[in-house]
């Protein structure tokens, strides 16, 4: 008997998004919030809340090694700033 894949509903900037992994990283959240290519002048700040007990709230930073465990209804806020 095969197991059904994990599926989480998370909120990114107030919009429901489906996610099928048990963790998520900075670049993945940014892509969900602001899809497509970005200029080098764009800086993103990623914060989260309503996470699991191991990481109920905090922020994500760029880098492949930084991921957080997620749960359904976890909230991510991504703000974009353009530096001149």
Foldseek 3Di string as FASTA:
>chain_A
DDDDFAWAWEAEQNDTDIDRDQKDADVRSVCVNPNDDDDPQKDKWKWKACAPPVDRIDTHDDDPVDMDGGHHHIYMYMDIDGHD
